[in-house]
């Protein structure tokens, strides 16, 4: 199913559940390497849930095919106050 305007399909790969679980496990492994002091089991569960959620969200966002003709629904006005 292609969502969004245009007739082109997204070429972003949709992961199967085993592939998604393998990717999530690898990413959690990276997180544990970044925290050599160790994470509690409940923290690892939270990291795993977050990674899986982000993988599903990424797949969902890539279902919206955009073309160069698509424009944003709104624009942000320039700030006249300068950087803070």
Protein backbone atom coordinates (compact mmCIF):
# COMPACT_ATOMS: atom_id res chain seq x y z
CA UNK A 1 0.00 0.00 0.00
CA UNK A 2 1.38 3.40 -0.96
CA UNK A 3 0.22 6.38 1.04
CA UNK A 4 0.70 10.00 0.00
CA UNK A 5 0.66 11.81 -3.29
CA UNK A 6 2.28 10.62 -6.46
CA UNK A 7 2.29 7.22 -8.07
CA UNK A 8 5.84 6.19 -7.14
CA UNK A 9 6.37 3.58 -4.47
CA UNK A 10 8.88 3.92 -1.68
CA UNK A 11 11.94 1.73 -2.06
CA UNK A 12 12.51 1.58 1.71
CA UNK A 13 12.64 -2.08 2.74
CA UNK A 14 9.90 -3.38 5.00
CA UNK A 15 11.39 -5.70 7.58
CA UNK A 16 9.87 -9.02 8.50
CA UNK A 17 9.27 -9.55 12.21
CA UNK A 18 12.38 -11.78 12.64
CA UNK A 19 14.53 -9.25 10.76
CA UNK A 20 13.14 -6.35 12.80
CA UNK A 21 13.87 -8.28 16.02
CA UNK A 22 17.44 -8.98 14.85
CA UNK A 23 18.03 -5.31 13.99
CA UNK A 24 16.57 -4.23 17.34
CA UNK A 25 18.76 -6.73 19.20
CA UNK A 26 21.87 -5.40 17.43
CA UNK A 27 20.97 -1.81 18.27
CA UNK A 28 20.39 -2.74 21.92
CA UNK A 29 23.79 -4.45 21.86
CA UNK A 30 25.32 -1.17 20.68
CA UNK A 31 23.60 0.67 23.54
CA UNK A 32 25.02 -1.80 26.05
CA UNK A 33 28.51 -1.27 24.61
CA UNK A 34 28.07 2.47 25.06
CA UNK A 35 27.22 1.89 28.75
CA UNK A 36 29.97 -0.37 30.10
CA UNK A 37 28.76 0.25 33.66
CA UNK A 38 25.77 -1.90 32.76
CA UNK A 39 22.05 -1.37 32.48
CA UNK A 40 19.38 -2.89 34.67
CA UNK A 41 17.12 -5.50 33.02
CA UNK A 42 14.15 -3.11 33.06
CA UNK A 43 16.29 -0.47 31.33
CA UNK A 44 17.25 -2.93 28.61
CA UNK A 45 13.56 -3.79 28.16
CA UNK A 46 12.76 -0.08 27.78
CA UNK A 47 15.57 0.38 25.25
CA UNK A 48 14.36 -2.65 23.26
CA UNK A 49 10.76 -1.38 23.24
CA UNK A 50 11.91 2.07 22.14
CA UNK A 51 14.09 0.70 19.34
CA UNK A 52 11.30 -1.56 18.04
CA UNK A 53 8.85 1.34 18.14
CA UNK A 54 11.26 3.57 16.21
CA UNK A 55 11.84 0.88 13.58
CA UNK A 56 8.07 0.54 13.03
CA UNK A 57 7.68 4.34 12.90
CA UNK A 58 10.48 4.60 10.34
CA UNK A 59 8.79 2.00 8.14
CA UNK A 60 5.48 3.83 8.46
CA UNK A 61 7.01 7.21 7.56
CA UNK A 62 8.62 5.73 4.47
CA UNK A 63 5.18 4.66 3.23
CA UNK A 64 4.42 8.32 2.53
CA UNK A 65 5.93 8.87 -0.88
CA UNK A 66 6.76 12.50 -1.56
CA UNK A 67 7.72 14.13 -4.83
CA UNK A 68 9.51 17.41 -5.47
CA UNK A 69 6.11 18.95 -6.18
CA UNK A 70 4.85 18.24 -2.64
CA UNK A 71 4.85 21.29 -0.40
CA UNK A 72 4.57 21.61 3.37
CA UNK A 73 1.14 22.23 4.85
CA UNK A 74 2.53 25.24 6.72
CA UNK A 75 5.65 27.37 6.93
CA UNK A 76 7.48 28.75 9.93
CA UNK A 77 7.97 32.51 10.05
CA UNK A 78 11.50 33.81 10.37
CA UNK A 79 12.53 34.83 13.85
CA UNK A 80 13.39 38.51 14.10
CA UNK A 81 14.92 38.14 17.55
CA UNK A 82 18.19 36.56 16.46
CA UNK A 83 19.91 33.57 18.03
CA UNK A 84 19.62 33.13 21.77
